[in-house]
Every structure is written in structure tokens, then in C-alpha cells.
C-alpha atoms as a PDB file:
ATOM      1  CA  MET A   1      -0.035  -0.001   0.050  1.00  0.00           C
ATOM      2  CA  PRO A   2       1.533   3.400  -0.977  1.00  0.00           C
ATOM      3  CA  THR A   3       2.466   5.598   2.059  1.00  0.00           C
ATOM      4  CA  THR A   4       4.553   8.459   2.995  1.00  0.00           C
ATOM      5  CA  GLY A   5       7.466   8.195   5.458  1.00  0.00           C
ATOM      6  CA  ILE A   6       9.272  10.775   7.485  1.00  0.00           C
ATOM      7  CA  GLN A   7      13.008  10.840   7.374  1.00  0.00           C
ATOM      8  CA  SER A   8      14.943  12.450  10.282  1.00  0.00           C
ATOM      9  CA  LYS A   9      18.526  12.932  11.098  1.00  0.00           C
ATOM     10  CA  ILE A  10      19.576  12.168  14.709  1.00  0.00           C
ATOM     11  CA  GLY A  11      21.234  14.975  16.459  1.00  0.00           C
ATOM     12  CA  LYS A  12      23.977  14.941  19.152  1.00  0.00           C
ATOM     13  CA  ALA A  13      22.995  14.216  22.642  1.00  0.00           C
ATOM     14  CA  THR A  14      24.468  13.688  26.041  1.00  0.00           C
ATOM     15  CA  GLU A  15      23.401  11.657  29.100  1.00  0.00           C
ATOM     16  CA  LEU A  16      24.740  10.909  32.638  1.00  0.00           C
ATOM     17  CA  LEU A  17      24.924   7.234  33.502  1.00  0.00           C
ATOM     18  CA  ARG A  18      26.299   5.157  36.394  1.00  0.00           C
ATOM     19  CA  TYR A  19      26.970   1.433  36.670  1.00  0.00           C
ATOM     20  CA  ASP A  20      26.498  -0.320  39.936  1.00  0.00           C
ATOM     21  CA  GLY A  21      27.620  -3.974  39.948  1.00  0.00           C
ATOM     22  CA  ALA A  22      26.132  -6.589  42.200  1.00  0.00           C
ATOM     23  CA  ASP A  23      29.565  -6.965  43.848  1.00  0.00           C
ATOM     24  CA  GLY A  24      29.594  -3.330  45.069  1.00  0.00           C
ATOM     25  CA  TYR A  25      31.557  -1.894  42.106  1.00  0.00           C
ATOM     26  CA  THR A  26      30.309   1.378  40.800  1.00  0.00           C
ATOM     27  CA  THR A  27      31.697   3.690  38.072  1.00  0.00           C
ATOM     28  CA  GLY A  28      30.311   6.735  39.656  1.00  0.00           C
ATOM     29  CA  THR A  29      28.386   9.099  37.498  1.00  0.00           C
ATOM     30  CA  LEU A  30      29.894   9.528  34.074  1.00  0.00           C
ATOM     31  CA  GLY A  31      28.918  11.726  31.204  1.00  0.00           C
ATOM     32  CA  LYS A  32      28.475  10.129  27.748  1.00  0.00           C
ATOM     33  CA  ILE A  33      28.319  12.055  24.371  1.00  0.00           C
ATOM     34  CA  MET A  34      26.601  10.411  21.554  1.00  0.00           C
ATOM     35  CA  GLY A  35      27.737  12.037  18.112  1.00  0.00           C
ATOM     36  CA  GLY A  36      24.496  11.606  16.375  1.00  0.00           C
ATOM     37  CA  GLY A  37      24.440  11.761  12.490  1.00  0.00           C
ATOM     38  CA  GLY A  38      22.344   8.558  12.033  1.00  0.00           C
ATOM     39  CA  GLN A  39      19.069   8.540  10.239  1.00  0.00           C
ATOM     40  CA  GLN A  40      15.665   7.136  11.128  1.00  0.00           C
ATOM     41  CA  ILE A  41      12.532   6.717   9.099  1.00  0.00           C
ATOM     42  CA  THR A  42       9.077   6.611  10.534  1.00  0.00           C
ATOM     43  CA  LEU A  43       6.236   5.076   8.559  1.00  0.00           C
ATOM     44  CA  ASP A  44       2.496   4.921   9.170  1.00  0.00           C
ATOM     45  CA  THR A  45       2.189   1.624  10.973  1.00  0.00           C
ATOM     46  CA  SER A  46      -1.292   0.916   9.693  1.00  0.00           C
ATOM     47  CA  VAL A  47       0.142   0.192   6.207  1.00  0.00           C
ATOM     48  CA  LEU A  48       2.651  -2.389   7.507  1.00  0.00           C
ATOM     49  CA  LYS A  49       1.910  -6.113   7.509  1.00  0.00           C
ATOM     50  CA  LEU A  50       3.625  -9.375   8.250  1.00  0.00           C
ATOM     51  CA  LEU A  51       4.973 -11.242   5.149  1.00  0.00           C
ATOM     52  CA  PRO A  52       4.023 -14.902   5.021  1.00  0.00           C
ATOM     53  CA  GLY A  53       6.577 -17.096   6.680  1.00  0.00           C
ATOM     54  CA  LYS A  54       8.385 -14.245   8.283  1.00  0.00           C
END
């Protein structure tokens, strides 16, 4: 079925994270920078269907 998709470029982002292990190990709070630059496409999900055998 014909449809229109929206293509977007993913921008740069930052987040704070911390790893706490079960053994008590922790990294403390670290900053993470994600460069972005990838792309994503969003389609109208009502036009998607499963292919037989998939």
C-alpha cells in the first residue's frame, strides 16, 4: 500500500549514567556524548503487515 515516510537525522545528545555492579563496584556518575548523525525513518504503522513465513 503506498504511504509517506518521514526521514529524520539524529542529532547530538548527552546523558549521565552510572553502573552499579552486584559486587559493590560502581563507576560513579559519568557523562556520555553521542555524536548523532544517524538517520531514522518513520512510517504509518497501519500500512505495515507481516509477510507470510516471516
